[in-house]
């Protein structure tokens, strides 16, 4: 058992859309990621996804609208729901995801598909 300082962990990397695991519980990973610009439309057929905004602002487009999250806010994207995150400026978020989830979901692999199991 060790505490995690989010500011220190975010300072350890600069790239965007590459989640880093900072903890695990049961069968879930706690990930930190910096995002900026557009991501890809995708969905996760078998898992829900939790986005928690730590700093900045995150837009998540859905086929029927958009949700905008600011620091201190979160959203649960239910399994099977297509979504596309976007951040106009750098945004720091925490993700709670089942272990083994590919960040680009069902979308074709691309430069935005992050390597698995990268831990800080």
N, C-alpha and C. Protein backbone atom coordinates (compact mmCIF):
# COMPACT_ATOMS: atom_id res chain seq x y z
N UNK A 1 0.84 -1.18 0.00
CA UNK A 1 0.00 0.00 0.00
C UNK A 1 0.88 1.24 0.00
N UNK A 2 0.74 2.02 -1.05
CA UNK A 2 1.46 3.27 -1.14
C UNK A 2 0.53 4.34 -1.68
N UNK A 3 0.68 5.54 -1.15
CA UNK A 3 -0.14 6.63 -1.65
C UNK A 3 0.35 7.04 -3.03
N UNK A 4 -0.55 7.65 -3.79
CA UNK A 4 -0.23 8.14 -5.13
C UNK A 4 -0.48 9.63 -5.15
N UNK A 5 0.52 10.39 -5.56
CA UNK A 5 0.39 11.83 -5.73
C UNK A 5 0.15 12.09 -7.21
N UNK A 6 -1.05 12.54 -7.54
CA UNK A 6 -1.41 12.71 -8.95
C UNK A 6 -0.53 13.73 -9.66
N UNK A 7 -0.21 14.84 -9.02
CA UNK A 7 0.63 15.86 -9.64
C UNK A 7 2.00 15.29 -9.99
N UNK A 8 2.58 14.52 -9.09
CA UNK A 8 3.88 13.90 -9.36
C UNK A 8 3.79 12.91 -10.51
N UNK A 9 2.73 12.12 -10.54
CA UNK A 9 2.56 11.13 -11.62
C UNK A 9 2.36 11.81 -12.97
N UNK A 10 1.52 12.86 -13.01
CA UNK A 10 1.32 13.58 -14.28
C UNK A 10 2.63 14.22 -14.76
N UNK A 11 3.51 14.61 -13.85
CA UNK A 11 4.79 15.24 -14.23
C UNK A 11 5.75 14.24 -14.86
N UNK A 12 5.48 12.95 -14.75
CA UNK A 12 6.38 11.93 -15.28
C UNK A 12 6.22 11.68 -16.78
N UNK A 13 5.20 12.28 -17.42
CA UNK A 13 5.04 12.06 -18.86
C UNK A 13 4.45 13.30 -19.52
N UNK A 14 4.68 13.42 -20.84
CA UNK A 14 4.21 14.59 -21.59
C UNK A 14 3.31 14.25 -22.77
N UNK A 15 3.30 13.00 -23.21
CA UNK A 15 2.54 12.67 -24.41
C UNK A 15 1.04 12.62 -24.13
N UNK A 16 0.27 12.70 -25.20
CA UNK A 16 -1.19 12.72 -25.11
C UNK A 16 -1.79 11.41 -25.59
N UNK A 17 -2.94 11.09 -25.00
CA UNK A 17 -3.74 9.91 -25.37
C UNK A 17 -3.02 8.59 -25.07
N UNK A 18 -2.07 8.59 -24.12
CA UNK A 18 -1.33 7.39 -23.73
C UNK A 18 -1.52 7.15 -22.23
N UNK A 19 -2.60 6.47 -21.84
CA UNK A 19 -2.88 6.26 -20.41
C UNK A 19 -1.77 5.51 -19.69
N UNK A 20 -1.55 5.89 -18.43
CA UNK A 20 -0.57 5.23 -17.56
C UNK A 20 -1.31 4.68 -16.35
N UNK A 21 -1.03 3.47 -15.99
CA UNK A 21 -1.66 2.84 -14.84
C UNK A 21 -0.94 3.30 -13.58
N UNK A 22 -1.72 3.81 -12.60
CA UNK A 22 -1.14 4.25 -11.33
C UNK A 22 -1.64 3.39 -10.16
N UNK A 23 -2.56 2.49 -10.43
CA UNK A 23 -3.07 1.61 -9.40
C UNK A 23 -4.06 0.62 -9.99
N UNK A 24 -4.32 -0.43 -9.26
CA UNK A 24 -5.28 -1.45 -9.69
C UNK A 24 -6.08 -1.92 -8.48
N UNK A 25 -7.30 -2.31 -8.71
CA UNK A 25 -8.13 -2.90 -7.67
C UNK A 25 -9.08 -3.88 -8.33
N UNK A 26 -9.33 -4.99 -7.64
CA UNK A 26 -10.13 -6.06 -8.21
C UNK A 26 -9.63 -6.32 -9.63
N UNK A 27 -10.46 -6.14 -10.63
CA UNK A 27 -10.04 -6.36 -12.02
C UNK A 27 -10.03 -5.04 -12.80
N UNK A 28 -9.81 -3.94 -12.09
CA UNK A 28 -9.83 -2.61 -12.71
C UNK A 28 -8.49 -1.90 -12.56
N UNK A 29 -8.20 -1.05 -13.55
CA UNK A 29 -7.01 -0.19 -13.50
C UNK A 29 -7.45 1.25 -13.30
N UNK A 30 -6.64 1.98 -12.55
CA UNK A 30 -6.78 3.43 -12.39
C UNK A 30 -5.69 4.02 -13.27
N UNK A 31 -6.10 4.82 -14.27
CA UNK A 31 -5.16 5.35 -15.24
C UNK A 31 -5.18 6.87 -15.25
N UNK A 32 -4.02 7.46 -15.47
CA UNK A 32 -3.91 8.89 -15.69
C UNK A 32 -3.52 9.10 -17.15
N UNK A 33 -4.09 10.13 -17.76
CA UNK A 33 -3.78 10.42 -19.15
C UNK A 33 -3.92 11.92 -19.40
N UNK A 34 -3.03 12.43 -20.22
CA UNK A 34 -3.13 13.80 -20.70
C UNK A 34 -3.73 13.72 -22.11
N UNK A 35 -4.69 14.58 -22.39
CA UNK A 35 -5.32 14.57 -23.71
C UNK A 35 -5.35 15.98 -24.27
N UNK A 36 -5.29 16.05 -25.58
CA UNK A 36 -5.42 17.32 -26.29
C UNK A 36 -5.74 17.01 -27.74
N UNK A 37 -6.67 17.76 -28.31
CA UNK A 37 -7.10 17.52 -29.69
C UNK A 37 -8.18 16.46 -29.74
N UNK A 38 -8.37 15.91 -30.94
CA UNK A 38 -9.43 14.93 -31.19
C UNK A 38 -8.95 13.51 -30.99
N UNK A 39 -9.83 12.68 -30.45
CA UNK A 39 -9.63 11.24 -30.39
C UNK A 39 -10.45 10.64 -31.52
N UNK A 40 -10.72 9.35 -31.49
CA UNK A 40 -11.48 8.68 -32.55
C UNK A 40 -12.85 8.26 -32.02
N UNK A 41 -13.81 8.17 -32.94
CA UNK A 41 -15.10 7.59 -32.58
C UNK A 41 -14.86 6.12 -32.26
N UNK A 42 -15.40 5.66 -31.14
CA UNK A 42 -15.25 4.26 -30.76
C UNK A 42 -16.27 3.90 -29.68
N UNK A 43 -16.34 2.61 -29.40
CA UNK A 43 -17.17 2.12 -28.30
C UNK A 43 -16.50 0.89 -27.71
N UNK A 44 -16.93 0.57 -26.52
CA UNK A 44 -16.45 -0.63 -25.82
C UNK A 44 -17.68 -1.50 -25.60
N UNK A 45 -17.77 -2.61 -26.31
CA UNK A 45 -18.98 -3.43 -26.27
C UNK A 45 -19.23 -4.10 -24.92
N UNK A 46 -18.18 -4.40 -24.17
CA UNK A 46 -18.34 -5.21 -22.96
C UNK A 46 -18.05 -4.49 -21.66
N UNK A 47 -17.66 -3.23 -21.70
CA UNK A 47 -17.29 -2.53 -20.46
C UNK A 47 -17.78 -1.08 -20.47
N UNK A 48 -18.10 -0.60 -19.28
CA UNK A 48 -18.37 0.82 -19.08
C UNK A 48 -17.02 1.51 -18.91
N UNK A 49 -17.02 2.83 -19.10
CA UNK A 49 -15.78 3.59 -18.98
C UNK A 49 -16.06 4.84 -18.15
N UNK A 50 -15.19 5.14 -17.17
CA UNK A 50 -15.35 6.29 -16.30
C UNK A 50 -14.27 7.32 -16.62
N UNK A 51 -14.70 8.55 -16.92
CA UNK A 51 -13.80 9.67 -17.15
C UNK A 51 -13.95 10.64 -15.98
N UNK A 52 -12.84 10.98 -15.32
CA UNK A 52 -12.84 11.95 -14.23
C UNK A 52 -11.85 13.05 -14.62
N UNK A 53 -12.33 14.27 -14.76
CA UNK A 53 -11.46 15.37 -15.17
C UNK A 53 -10.76 15.93 -13.93
N UNK A 54 -9.44 15.90 -13.98
CA UNK A 54 -8.62 16.41 -12.88
C UNK A 54 -8.25 17.87 -13.11
N UNK A 55 -7.90 18.22 -14.35
CA UNK A 55 -7.55 19.59 -14.73
C UNK A 55 -7.99 19.81 -16.17
N UNK A 56 -8.44 21.01 -16.48
CA UNK A 56 -8.81 21.35 -17.84
C UNK A 56 -10.27 21.07 -18.14
N UNK A 57 -10.56 20.95 -19.42
CA UNK A 57 -11.94 20.71 -19.88
C UNK A 57 -11.94 19.65 -20.95
N UNK A 58 -12.88 18.74 -20.86
CA UNK A 58 -13.00 17.62 -21.80
C UNK A 58 -14.39 17.62 -22.40
N UNK A 59 -14.47 17.58 -23.72
CA UNK A 59 -15.74 17.39 -24.42
C UNK A 59 -15.81 15.93 -24.84
N UNK A 60 -16.96 15.33 -24.68
CA UNK A 60 -17.18 13.98 -25.19
C UNK A 60 -18.40 14.05 -26.09
N UNK A 61 -18.17 13.80 -27.39
CA UNK A 61 -19.26 13.78 -28.35
C UNK A 61 -19.90 12.40 -28.33
N UNK A 62 -21.23 12.41 -28.40
CA UNK A 62 -22.03 11.21 -28.56
C UNK A 62 -22.83 11.40 -29.84
N UNK A 63 -23.37 10.35 -30.38
CA UNK A 63 -24.13 10.48 -31.63
C UNK A 63 -25.34 11.38 -31.47
N UNK A 64 -25.81 11.57 -30.23
CA UNK A 64 -26.99 12.40 -30.01
C UNK A 64 -26.69 13.69 -29.23
N UNK A 65 -25.41 14.06 -29.13
CA UNK A 65 -25.10 15.30 -28.43
C UNK A 65 -23.70 15.30 -27.86
N UNK A 66 -23.44 16.27 -26.99
CA UNK A 66 -22.11 16.46 -26.40
C UNK A 66 -22.26 16.73 -24.92
N UNK A 67 -21.30 16.20 -24.15
CA UNK A 67 -21.18 16.52 -22.73
C UNK A 67 -19.83 17.21 -22.54
N UNK A 68 -19.81 18.29 -21.79
CA UNK A 68 -18.59 19.00 -21.48
C UNK A 68 -18.32 18.85 -19.99
N UNK A 69 -17.12 18.39 -19.67
CA UNK A 69 -16.73 18.18 -18.28
C UNK A 69 -15.58 19.11 -17.93
N UNK A 70 -15.65 19.68 -16.73
CA UNK A 70 -14.59 20.52 -16.20
C UNK A 70 -13.94 19.81 -15.02
N UNK A 71 -12.87 20.41 -14.50
CA UNK A 71 -12.16 19.82 -13.37
C UNK A 71 -13.14 19.54 -12.23
N UNK A 72 -13.03 18.35 -11.66
CA UNK A 72 -13.89 17.95 -10.57
C UNK A 72 -15.17 17.26 -11.01
N UNK A 73 -15.33 17.04 -12.31
CA UNK A 73 -16.54 16.37 -12.83
C UNK A 73 -16.17 15.04 -13.46
N UNK A 74 -17.18 14.17 -13.55
CA UNK A 74 -16.97 12.85 -14.14
C UNK A 74 -18.20 12.44 -14.93
N UNK A 75 -17.99 11.42 -15.77
CA UNK A 75 -19.09 10.82 -16.52
C UNK A 75 -18.79 9.33 -16.68
N UNK A 76 -19.86 8.54 -16.66
CA UNK A 76 -19.76 7.12 -16.96
C UNK A 76 -20.32 6.91 -18.36
N UNK A 77 -19.50 6.39 -19.27
CA UNK A 77 -19.97 6.08 -20.61
C UNK A 77 -20.34 4.60 -20.60
N UNK A 78 -21.63 4.30 -20.77
CA UNK A 78 -22.06 2.89 -20.72
C UNK A 78 -21.50 2.07 -21.88
N UNK A 79 -21.33 0.80 -21.61
CA UNK A 79 -20.86 -0.12 -22.66
C UNK A 79 -21.74 0.01 -23.90
N UNK A 80 -21.08 -0.09 -25.06
CA UNK A 80 -21.81 -0.06 -26.32
C UNK A 80 -22.17 1.32 -26.84
N UNK A 81 -21.86 2.39 -26.10
CA UNK A 81 -22.20 3.74 -26.53
C UNK A 81 -21.02 4.36 -27.26
N UNK A 82 -21.24 4.75 -28.52
CA UNK A 82 -20.18 5.39 -29.30
C UNK A 82 -19.89 6.77 -28.73
N UNK A 83 -18.60 7.09 -28.66
CA UNK A 83 -18.20 8.39 -28.14
C UNK A 83 -16.87 8.80 -28.73
N UNK A 84 -16.61 10.13 -28.68
CA UNK A 84 -15.36 10.67 -29.20
C UNK A 84 -14.92 11.82 -28.29
N UNK A 85 -13.90 11.57 -27.45
CA UNK A 85 -13.38 12.64 -26.60
C UNK A 85 -12.61 13.69 -27.41
N UNK A 86 -12.61 14.90 -26.89
CA UNK A 86 -11.89 16.01 -27.51
C UNK A 86 -11.54 17.01 -26.42
N UNK A 87 -10.34 17.59 -26.53
CA UNK A 87 -9.94 18.66 -25.60
C UNK A 87 -9.27 19.77 -26.41
N UNK A 88 -9.79 20.98 -26.30
CA UNK A 88 -9.21 22.12 -27.04
C UNK A 88 -7.83 22.47 -26.54
N UNK A 89 -7.62 22.36 -25.23
CA UNK A 89 -6.31 22.56 -24.62
C UNK A 89 -5.98 21.32 -23.82
N UNK A 90 -4.77 21.25 -23.29
CA UNK A 90 -4.42 20.05 -22.54
C UNK A 90 -5.37 19.84 -21.36
N UNK A 91 -5.80 18.61 -21.21
CA UNK A 91 -6.71 18.21 -20.14
C UNK A 91 -6.11 16.97 -19.48
N UNK A 92 -6.17 16.92 -18.17
CA UNK A 92 -5.64 15.77 -17.43
C UNK A 92 -6.82 15.02 -16.84
N UNK A 93 -6.89 13.74 -17.16
CA UNK A 93 -8.02 12.95 -16.69
C UNK A 93 -7.57 11.65 -16.03
N UNK A 94 -8.47 11.13 -15.21
CA UNK A 94 -8.30 9.82 -14.61
C UNK A 94 -9.36 8.92 -15.25
N UNK A 95 -8.95 7.71 -15.61
CA UNK A 95 -9.86 6.72 -16.16
C UNK A 95 -9.94 5.54 -15.20
N UNK A 96 -11.13 5.01 -15.04
CA UNK A 96 -11.32 3.75 -14.32
C UNK A 96 -11.83 2.76 -15.35
N UNK A 97 -11.02 1.75 -15.62
CA UNK A 97 -11.35 0.79 -16.69
C UNK A 97 -11.01 -0.62 -16.25
N UNK A 98 -11.79 -1.55 -16.75
CA UNK A 98 -11.47 -2.95 -16.52
C UNK A 98 -10.11 -3.25 -17.16
N UNK A 99 -9.32 -4.07 -16.50
CA UNK A 99 -7.99 -4.41 -17.02
C UNK A 99 -8.09 -4.98 -18.43
N UNK A 100 -7.14 -4.58 -19.28
CA UNK A 100 -7.07 -5.08 -20.65
C UNK A 100 -7.87 -4.30 -21.67
N UNK A 101 -8.56 -3.24 -21.25
CA UNK A 101 -9.35 -2.44 -22.19
C UNK A 101 -8.42 -1.68 -23.13
N UNK A 102 -8.69 -1.76 -24.42
CA UNK A 102 -7.93 -1.02 -25.43
C UNK A 102 -8.57 0.37 -25.54
N UNK A 103 -7.75 1.41 -25.47
CA UNK A 103 -8.28 2.77 -25.41
C UNK A 103 -9.10 3.16 -26.64
N UNK A 104 -8.81 2.60 -27.80
CA UNK A 104 -9.56 2.94 -29.01
C UNK A 104 -10.73 1.99 -29.26
N UNK A 105 -11.02 1.10 -28.31
CA UNK A 105 -12.19 0.24 -28.39
C UNK A 105 -12.28 -0.52 -29.69
N UNK A 106 -13.42 -0.39 -30.35
CA UNK A 106 -13.68 -1.14 -31.59
C UNK A 106 -13.14 -0.44 -32.84
N UNK A 107 -12.55 0.75 -32.67
CA UNK A 107 -12.01 1.47 -33.83
C UNK A 107 -10.77 0.75 -34.36
N UNK A 108 -10.52 0.93 -35.63
CA UNK A 108 -9.33 0.35 -36.24
C UNK A 108 -8.08 0.86 -35.53
N UNK A 109 -7.10 -0.02 -35.34
CA UNK A 109 -5.87 0.40 -34.68
C UNK A 109 -5.24 1.55 -35.44
N UNK A 110 -4.69 2.51 -34.66
CA UNK A 110 -4.09 3.70 -35.26
C UNK A 110 -2.97 4.19 -34.35
N UNK A 111 -2.42 5.36 -34.69
CA UNK A 111 -1.39 5.98 -33.85
C UNK A 111 -1.93 6.31 -32.46
N UNK A 112 -3.24 6.39 -32.32
CA UNK A 112 -3.85 6.72 -31.02
C UNK A 112 -4.07 5.49 -30.15
N UNK A 113 -3.89 4.30 -30.72
CA UNK A 113 -4.04 3.08 -29.92
C UNK A 113 -2.84 2.97 -29.00
N UNK A 114 -3.11 3.03 -27.70
CA UNK A 114 -2.03 3.06 -26.70
C UNK A 114 -1.56 1.65 -26.37
N UNK A 115 -0.28 1.52 -26.04
CA UNK A 115 0.22 0.23 -25.56
C UNK A 115 -0.45 -0.12 -24.24
N UNK A 116 -0.62 -1.39 -24.00
CA UNK A 116 -1.26 -1.88 -22.78
C UNK A 116 -0.28 -1.96 -21.62
N UNK A 117 -0.83 -1.88 -20.42
CA UNK A 117 -0.08 -2.16 -19.19
C UNK A 117 1.11 -1.26 -18.94
N UNK A 118 1.06 0.01 -19.36
CA UNK A 118 2.14 0.95 -19.06
C UNK A 118 1.87 1.51 -17.66
N UNK A 119 2.80 1.24 -16.75
CA UNK A 119 2.63 1.65 -15.35
C UNK A 119 3.63 2.74 -14.97
N UNK A 120 3.19 3.60 -14.09
CA UNK A 120 4.08 4.62 -13.52
C UNK A 120 4.50 4.17 -12.13
